[in-house]
Amino acid sequence: MKQSLAHVAVVVRDYDEAIAFYTEKLGFELVEDTYQPEQDKRWVVVKPQGDGDASVLLARASNDHQAAYIGDQAGDRVFLFLQTDDFWRDFEAYKNRGVEFTRDPKTADYGTVAVFKDLYGNLWDLVEFTKD
């Protein structure tokens, strides 16, 4: 089954730090940055350029107990998928911007994939699926 980024929520410690990571290192666009005083919430949404339906909601940890687990989520953590239409272009661009890849590119039956970490330790598969 083909998977791609679509409306993913990522828990972050610091909104500005997370916005900088996604916009400067991954080239995402900042779509929304709104503070709602009545709920004491900040809504921050970023999206890959040129992908109309995909987006990432950056959500702040709601308490100290939750915040302690950010960046320490390997083990049974589910991978997040970022689909690309040009793997090598994006792989080189991300590396040049300082993104840390934890698994080198490999080609499988379904396509080409490499794994990178965001600044909170979340693991992302950068994937270009084999074209049918």
N, C-alpha and C. Protein backbone atom coordinates (compact mmCIF):
# COMPACT_ATOMS: atom_id res chain seq x y z
N MET A 1 0.84 -1.18 0.00
CA MET A 1 0.00 0.00 0.00
C MET A 1 0.88 1.24 0.00
N LYS A 2 0.58 2.15 -0.87
CA LYS A 2 1.36 3.38 -0.94
C LYS A 2 0.94 4.32 0.19
N GLN A 3 1.94 4.85 0.90
CA GLN A 3 1.67 5.78 1.98
C GLN A 3 2.40 7.08 1.70
N SER A 4 1.79 8.15 2.11
CA SER A 4 2.45 9.44 1.97
C SER A 4 2.02 10.33 3.11
N LEU A 5 2.68 11.48 3.22
CA LEU A 5 2.38 12.44 4.27
C LEU A 5 1.02 13.07 4.01
N ALA A 6 0.14 13.02 5.00
CA ALA A 6 -1.15 13.68 4.87
C ALA A 6 -1.70 13.96 6.25
N HIS A 7 -1.69 15.21 6.65
CA HIS A 7 -2.29 15.63 7.91
C HIS A 7 -1.73 14.86 9.10
N VAL A 8 -0.40 14.91 9.26
CA VAL A 8 0.28 14.26 10.38
C VAL A 8 0.44 15.28 11.50
N ALA A 9 0.26 14.85 12.75
CA ALA A 9 0.53 15.71 13.90
C ALA A 9 1.83 15.27 14.55
N VAL A 10 2.72 16.22 14.80
CA VAL A 10 4.00 15.93 15.44
C VAL A 10 4.10 16.77 16.71
N VAL A 11 4.39 16.12 17.83
CA VAL A 11 4.54 16.82 19.10
C VAL A 11 5.93 17.42 19.18
N VAL A 12 6.00 18.71 19.55
CA VAL A 12 7.28 19.43 19.59
C VAL A 12 7.46 20.12 20.94
N ARG A 13 8.72 20.41 21.27
CA ARG A 13 9.02 21.17 22.49
C ARG A 13 8.90 22.67 22.24
N ASP A 14 9.33 23.11 21.06
CA ASP A 14 9.43 24.53 20.78
C ASP A 14 8.94 24.80 19.36
N TYR A 15 7.90 25.61 19.25
CA TYR A 15 7.30 25.86 17.93
C TYR A 15 8.29 26.51 16.96
N ASP A 16 8.98 27.55 17.41
CA ASP A 16 9.87 28.28 16.51
C ASP A 16 11.00 27.39 16.01
N GLU A 17 11.54 26.54 16.91
CA GLU A 17 12.60 25.60 16.54
C GLU A 17 12.07 24.61 15.49
N ALA A 18 10.86 24.11 15.71
CA ALA A 18 10.27 23.14 14.78
C ALA A 18 9.95 23.79 13.43
N ILE A 19 9.42 25.01 13.45
CA ILE A 19 9.13 25.71 12.20
C ILE A 19 10.41 25.89 11.40
N ALA A 20 11.49 26.28 12.07
CA ALA A 20 12.77 26.47 11.38
C ALA A 20 13.26 25.17 10.77
N PHE A 21 13.12 24.05 11.48
CA PHE A 21 13.56 22.76 10.94
C PHE A 21 12.81 22.43 9.66
N TYR A 22 11.48 22.53 9.70
CA TYR A 22 10.69 22.14 8.54
C TYR A 22 10.85 23.10 7.37
N THR A 23 10.94 24.39 7.64
CA THR A 23 11.03 25.35 6.53
C THR A 23 12.45 25.48 5.98
N GLU A 24 13.45 25.49 6.86
CA GLU A 24 14.82 25.70 6.41
C GLU A 24 15.51 24.41 5.95
N LYS A 25 15.28 23.32 6.66
CA LYS A 25 15.98 22.07 6.31
C LYS A 25 15.19 21.21 5.33
N LEU A 26 13.86 21.23 5.41
CA LEU A 26 13.05 20.40 4.51
C LEU A 26 12.36 21.20 3.41
N GLY A 27 12.46 22.52 3.48
CA GLY A 27 11.86 23.34 2.42
C GLY A 27 10.34 23.37 2.44
N PHE A 28 9.73 23.09 3.60
CA PHE A 28 8.27 23.15 3.71
C PHE A 28 7.82 24.61 3.72
N GLU A 29 6.53 24.81 3.48
CA GLU A 29 5.92 26.14 3.56
C GLU A 29 5.17 26.25 4.88
N LEU A 30 5.24 27.42 5.50
CA LEU A 30 4.45 27.69 6.70
C LEU A 30 3.06 28.11 6.24
N VAL A 31 2.05 27.31 6.59
CA VAL A 31 0.69 27.54 6.12
C VAL A 31 -0.12 28.33 7.16
N GLU A 32 0.08 28.00 8.44
CA GLU A 32 -0.70 28.66 9.49
C GLU A 32 0.13 28.76 10.75
N ASP A 33 0.04 29.90 11.42
CA ASP A 33 0.65 30.10 12.73
C ASP A 33 -0.27 31.03 13.50
N THR A 34 -1.19 30.43 14.24
CA THR A 34 -2.25 31.19 14.91
C THR A 34 -2.27 30.86 16.39
N TYR A 35 -2.38 31.90 17.21
CA TYR A 35 -2.53 31.68 18.66
C TYR A 35 -3.99 31.91 19.03
N GLN A 36 -4.58 30.97 19.77
CA GLN A 36 -5.96 31.08 20.23
C GLN A 36 -5.96 31.28 21.74
N PRO A 37 -6.08 32.52 22.19
CA PRO A 37 -5.96 32.79 23.63
C PRO A 37 -7.02 32.09 24.48
N GLU A 38 -8.21 31.92 23.92
CA GLU A 38 -9.28 31.28 24.72
C GLU A 38 -8.95 29.82 25.05
N GLN A 39 -8.15 29.17 24.21
CA GLN A 39 -7.74 27.79 24.48
C GLN A 39 -6.28 27.70 24.90
N ASP A 40 -5.59 28.84 24.88
CA ASP A 40 -4.15 28.88 25.15
C ASP A 40 -3.42 27.88 24.26
N LYS A 41 -3.75 27.90 22.96
CA LYS A 41 -3.15 26.98 22.00
C LYS A 41 -2.61 27.75 20.82
N ARG A 42 -1.53 27.24 20.28
CA ARG A 42 -0.94 27.79 19.06
C ARG A 42 -1.08 26.73 17.98
N TRP A 43 -1.71 27.09 16.87
CA TRP A 43 -1.91 26.17 15.75
C TRP A 43 -0.88 26.48 14.68
N VAL A 44 0.05 25.57 14.46
CA VAL A 44 1.09 25.75 13.47
C VAL A 44 1.01 24.59 12.48
N VAL A 45 0.85 24.94 11.20
CA VAL A 45 0.75 23.93 10.15
C VAL A 45 1.79 24.23 9.08
N VAL A 46 2.54 23.19 8.70
CA VAL A 46 3.52 23.31 7.62
C VAL A 46 3.20 22.25 6.58
N LYS A 47 3.65 22.47 5.33
CA LYS A 47 3.37 21.50 4.27
C LYS A 47 4.51 21.48 3.27
N PRO A 48 4.72 20.32 2.63
CA PRO A 48 5.72 20.27 1.57
C PRO A 48 5.29 21.15 0.41
N GLN A 49 6.25 21.81 -0.24
CA GLN A 49 5.92 22.66 -1.38
C GLN A 49 5.34 21.81 -2.50
N GLY A 50 4.27 22.32 -3.09
CA GLY A 50 3.68 21.68 -4.25
C GLY A 50 2.79 20.50 -3.96
N ASP A 51 2.59 20.16 -2.69
CA ASP A 51 1.73 19.01 -2.35
C ASP A 51 0.47 19.56 -1.69
N GLY A 52 -0.59 19.69 -2.45
CA GLY A 52 -1.79 20.37 -1.98
C GLY A 52 -2.46 19.78 -0.77
N ASP A 53 -2.48 18.45 -0.62
CA ASP A 53 -3.24 17.83 0.45
C ASP A 53 -2.43 17.47 1.68
N ALA A 54 -1.12 17.44 1.58
CA ALA A 54 -0.29 17.00 2.70
C ALA A 54 -0.01 18.16 3.65
N SER A 55 0.02 17.86 4.95
CA SER A 55 0.37 18.89 5.92
C SER A 55 0.81 18.24 7.23
N VAL A 56 1.54 19.02 8.04
CA VAL A 56 1.98 18.57 9.35
C VAL A 56 1.50 19.61 10.36
N LEU A 57 0.76 19.15 11.36
CA LEU A 57 0.35 20.01 12.47
C LEU A 57 1.39 19.86 13.57
N LEU A 58 2.00 20.98 13.96
CA LEU A 58 2.97 20.95 15.05
C LEU A 58 2.23 21.23 16.35
N ALA A 59 2.25 20.29 17.27
CA ALA A 59 1.49 20.41 18.51
C ALA A 59 2.44 20.40 19.70
N ARG A 60 2.24 21.30 20.64
CA ARG A 60 3.09 21.38 21.83
C ARG A 60 2.72 20.28 22.80
N ALA A 61 3.72 19.71 23.49
CA ALA A 61 3.46 18.72 24.54
C ALA A 61 2.56 19.36 25.59
N SER A 62 1.52 18.65 26.00
CA SER A 62 0.51 19.25 26.88
C SER A 62 0.91 19.23 28.35
N ASN A 63 1.90 18.42 28.72
CA ASN A 63 2.34 18.40 30.11
C ASN A 63 3.78 17.90 30.19
N ASP A 64 4.38 18.05 31.37
CA ASP A 64 5.79 17.68 31.55
C ASP A 64 6.01 16.19 31.33
N HIS A 65 5.05 15.37 31.73
CA HIS A 65 5.18 13.92 31.57
C HIS A 65 5.28 13.57 30.08
N GLN A 66 4.42 14.18 29.26
CA GLN A 66 4.45 13.93 27.82
C GLN A 66 5.73 14.48 27.20
N ALA A 67 6.14 15.66 27.64
CA ALA A 67 7.32 16.30 27.07
C ALA A 67 8.58 15.48 27.30
N ALA A 68 8.63 14.73 28.39
CA ALA A 68 9.82 13.94 28.72
C ALA A 68 10.09 12.87 27.68
N TYR A 69 9.07 12.44 26.95
CA TYR A 69 9.24 11.37 25.97
C TYR A 69 9.62 11.86 24.58
N ILE A 70 9.56 13.16 24.36
CA ILE A 70 9.92 13.69 23.05
C ILE A 70 11.40 13.48 22.82
N GLY A 71 11.76 12.93 21.68
CA GLY A 71 13.15 12.70 21.37
C GLY A 71 13.68 11.39 21.91
N ASP A 72 12.82 10.63 22.59
CA ASP A 72 13.23 9.33 23.13
C ASP A 72 12.19 8.31 22.71
N GLN A 73 11.89 8.27 21.41
CA GLN A 73 10.75 7.49 20.94
C GLN A 73 11.15 6.48 19.88
N ALA A 74 12.22 5.75 20.09
CA ALA A 74 12.58 4.72 19.12
C ALA A 74 11.71 3.50 19.39
N GLY A 75 12.32 2.31 19.54
CA GLY A 75 11.56 1.13 19.92
C GLY A 75 10.36 0.86 19.06
N ASP A 76 9.19 1.00 19.66
CA ASP A 76 7.96 0.66 18.94
C ASP A 76 7.38 1.85 18.17
N ARG A 77 8.18 2.86 17.94
CA ARG A 77 7.71 4.07 17.25
C ARG A 77 7.35 3.74 15.80
N VAL A 78 6.23 4.25 15.36
CA VAL A 78 5.81 4.07 13.97
C VAL A 78 6.53 5.10 13.11
N PHE A 79 7.01 4.66 11.96
CA PHE A 79 7.67 5.59 11.04
C PHE A 79 6.66 6.55 10.43
N LEU A 80 7.11 7.76 10.18
CA LEU A 80 6.33 8.74 9.44
C LEU A 80 6.86 8.73 8.01
N PHE A 81 5.98 8.93 7.05
CA PHE A 81 6.34 8.83 5.64
C PHE A 81 6.28 10.19 4.96
N LEU A 82 7.34 10.53 4.28
CA LEU A 82 7.37 11.73 3.45
C LEU A 82 7.63 11.27 2.03
N GLN A 83 6.62 11.34 1.19
CA GLN A 83 6.73 10.84 -0.19
C GLN A 83 7.28 11.94 -1.09
N THR A 84 8.19 11.55 -1.98
CA THR A 84 8.77 12.49 -2.93
C THR A 84 8.59 11.97 -4.35
N ASP A 85 8.61 12.89 -5.32
CA ASP A 85 8.53 12.47 -6.72
C ASP A 85 9.92 12.49 -7.36
N ASP A 86 10.94 12.88 -6.56
CA ASP A 86 12.32 12.88 -7.06
C ASP A 86 13.23 12.62 -5.87
N PHE A 87 13.47 11.34 -5.59
CA PHE A 87 14.18 10.93 -4.39
C PHE A 87 15.56 11.57 -4.28
N TRP A 88 16.38 11.44 -5.32
CA TRP A 88 17.77 11.89 -5.23
C TRP A 88 17.87 13.40 -5.10
N ARG A 89 16.99 14.13 -5.73
CA ARG A 89 16.97 15.60 -5.58
C ARG A 89 16.75 15.97 -4.12
N ASP A 90 15.71 15.38 -3.51
CA ASP A 90 15.37 15.73 -2.14
C ASP A 90 16.38 15.17 -1.14
N PHE A 91 16.88 13.97 -1.39
CA PHE A 91 17.88 13.38 -0.50
C PHE A 91 19.12 14.27 -0.43
N GLU A 92 19.62 14.71 -1.56
CA GLU A 92 20.81 15.57 -1.59
C GLU A 92 20.52 16.94 -0.97
N ALA A 93 19.34 17.48 -1.27
CA ALA A 93 18.98 18.79 -0.71
C ALA A 93 18.90 18.73 0.81
N TYR A 94 18.28 17.68 1.35
CA TYR A 94 18.15 17.55 2.81
C TYR A 94 19.51 17.37 3.46
N LYS A 95 20.35 16.53 2.86
CA LYS A 95 21.71 16.33 3.39
C LYS A 95 22.49 17.64 3.40
N ASN A 96 22.40 18.38 2.32
CA ASN A 96 23.12 19.65 2.23
C ASN A 96 22.62 20.67 3.24
N ARG A 97 21.38 20.51 3.69
CA ARG A 97 20.82 21.42 4.69
C ARG A 97 21.05 20.92 6.12
N GLY A 98 21.75 19.81 6.26
CA GLY A 98 22.11 19.32 7.60
C GLY A 98 21.17 18.31 8.20
N VAL A 99 20.28 17.72 7.41
CA VAL A 99 19.40 16.68 7.92
C VAL A 99 20.21 15.41 8.16
N GLU A 100 20.02 14.78 9.31
CA GLU A 100 20.74 13.56 9.68
C GLU A 100 20.00 12.33 9.18
N PHE A 101 20.61 11.58 8.29
CA PHE A 101 20.01 10.34 7.81
C PHE A 101 20.55 9.18 8.64
N THR A 102 19.63 8.36 9.15
CA THR A 102 20.03 7.23 10.00
C THR A 102 20.11 5.93 9.22
N ARG A 103 19.58 5.94 8.00
CA ARG A 103 19.72 4.78 7.11
C ARG A 103 19.96 5.29 5.71
N ASP A 104 21.03 4.80 5.10
CA ASP A 104 21.38 5.23 3.74
C ASP A 104 20.32 4.78 2.75
N PRO A 105 20.27 5.42 1.59
CA PRO A 105 19.27 5.04 0.59
C PRO A 105 19.40 3.58 0.18
N LYS A 106 18.25 2.96 0.00
CA LYS A 106 18.25 1.61 -0.56
C LYS A 106 17.07 1.50 -1.51
N THR A 107 17.21 0.61 -2.46
CA THR A 107 16.15 0.38 -3.42
C THR A 107 15.53 -0.97 -3.14
N ALA A 108 14.23 -0.97 -2.99
CA ALA A 108 13.47 -2.20 -2.76
C ALA A 108 12.45 -2.35 -3.88
N ASP A 109 11.67 -3.41 -3.82
CA ASP A 109 10.66 -3.64 -4.86
C ASP A 109 9.68 -2.47 -4.98
N TYR A 110 9.38 -1.85 -3.84
CA TYR A 110 8.38 -0.78 -3.84
C TYR A 110 8.96 0.57 -4.23
N GLY A 111 10.30 0.72 -4.20
CA GLY A 111 10.89 1.99 -4.57
C GLY A 111 12.16 2.28 -3.78
N THR A 112 12.55 3.54 -3.73
CA THR A 112 13.77 3.97 -3.06
C THR A 112 13.40 4.67 -1.76
N VAL A 113 14.19 4.38 -0.69
CA VAL A 113 13.87 4.92 0.63
C VAL A 113 15.15 5.18 1.42
N ALA A 114 15.11 6.22 2.25
CA ALA A 114 16.15 6.50 3.24
C ALA A 114 15.44 7.04 4.48
N VAL A 115 16.08 6.90 5.62
CA VAL A 115 15.45 7.30 6.89
C VAL A 115 16.21 8.48 7.48
N PHE A 116 15.46 9.50 7.91
CA PHE A 116 16.10 10.62 8.60
C PHE A 116 15.36 10.93 9.89
N LYS A 117 16.06 11.66 10.76
CA LYS A 117 15.48 12.08 12.04
C LYS A 117 15.16 13.56 11.99
N ASP A 118 14.04 13.92 12.62
CA ASP A 118 13.83 15.35 12.83
C ASP A 118 14.49 15.73 14.15
N LEU A 119 14.39 16.99 14.56
CA LEU A 119 15.14 17.41 15.74
C LEU A 119 14.54 16.89 17.04
N TYR A 120 13.40 16.20 16.99
CA TYR A 120 12.81 15.60 18.18
C TYR A 120 12.98 14.09 18.22
N GLY A 121 13.77 13.55 17.30
CA GLY A 121 14.01 12.12 17.31
C GLY A 121 12.97 11.31 16.56
N ASN A 122 11.98 11.97 15.97
CA ASN A 122 11.01 11.25 15.15
C ASN A 122 11.71 10.72 13.91
N LEU A 123 11.37 9.52 13.49
CA LEU A 123 11.99 8.89 12.33
C LEU A 123 11.07 9.01 11.12
N TRP A 124 11.62 9.48 10.02
CA TRP A 124 10.86 9.68 8.79
C TRP A 124 11.45 8.82 7.68
N ASP A 125 10.60 8.18 6.92
CA ASP A 125 11.02 7.52 5.68
C ASP A 125 10.83 8.52 4.54
N LEU A 126 11.92 8.88 3.88
CA LEU A 126 11.83 9.65 2.64
C LEU A 126 11.70 8.62 1.53
N VAL A 127 10.55 8.58 0.87
CA VAL A 127 10.25 7.48 -0.05
C VAL A 127 9.84 8.01 -1.42
N GLU A 128 10.40 7.38 -2.43
CA GLU A 128 9.89 7.56 -3.80
C GLU A 128 9.42 6.19 -4.25
N PHE A 129 8.12 6.01 -4.34
CA PHE A 129 7.57 4.72 -4.73
C PHE A 129 7.80 4.45 -6.22
N THR A 130 8.00 3.19 -6.54
CA THR A 130 8.17 2.79 -7.94
C THR A 130 6.94 3.19 -8.72
N LYS A 131 7.18 3.83 -9.83
CA LYS A 131 6.03 4.27 -10.65
C LYS A 131 5.44 3.07 -11.39
N ASP A 132 4.13 2.98 -11.35
CA ASP A 132 3.43 1.85 -12.01
C ASP A 132 3.44 1.99 -13.50
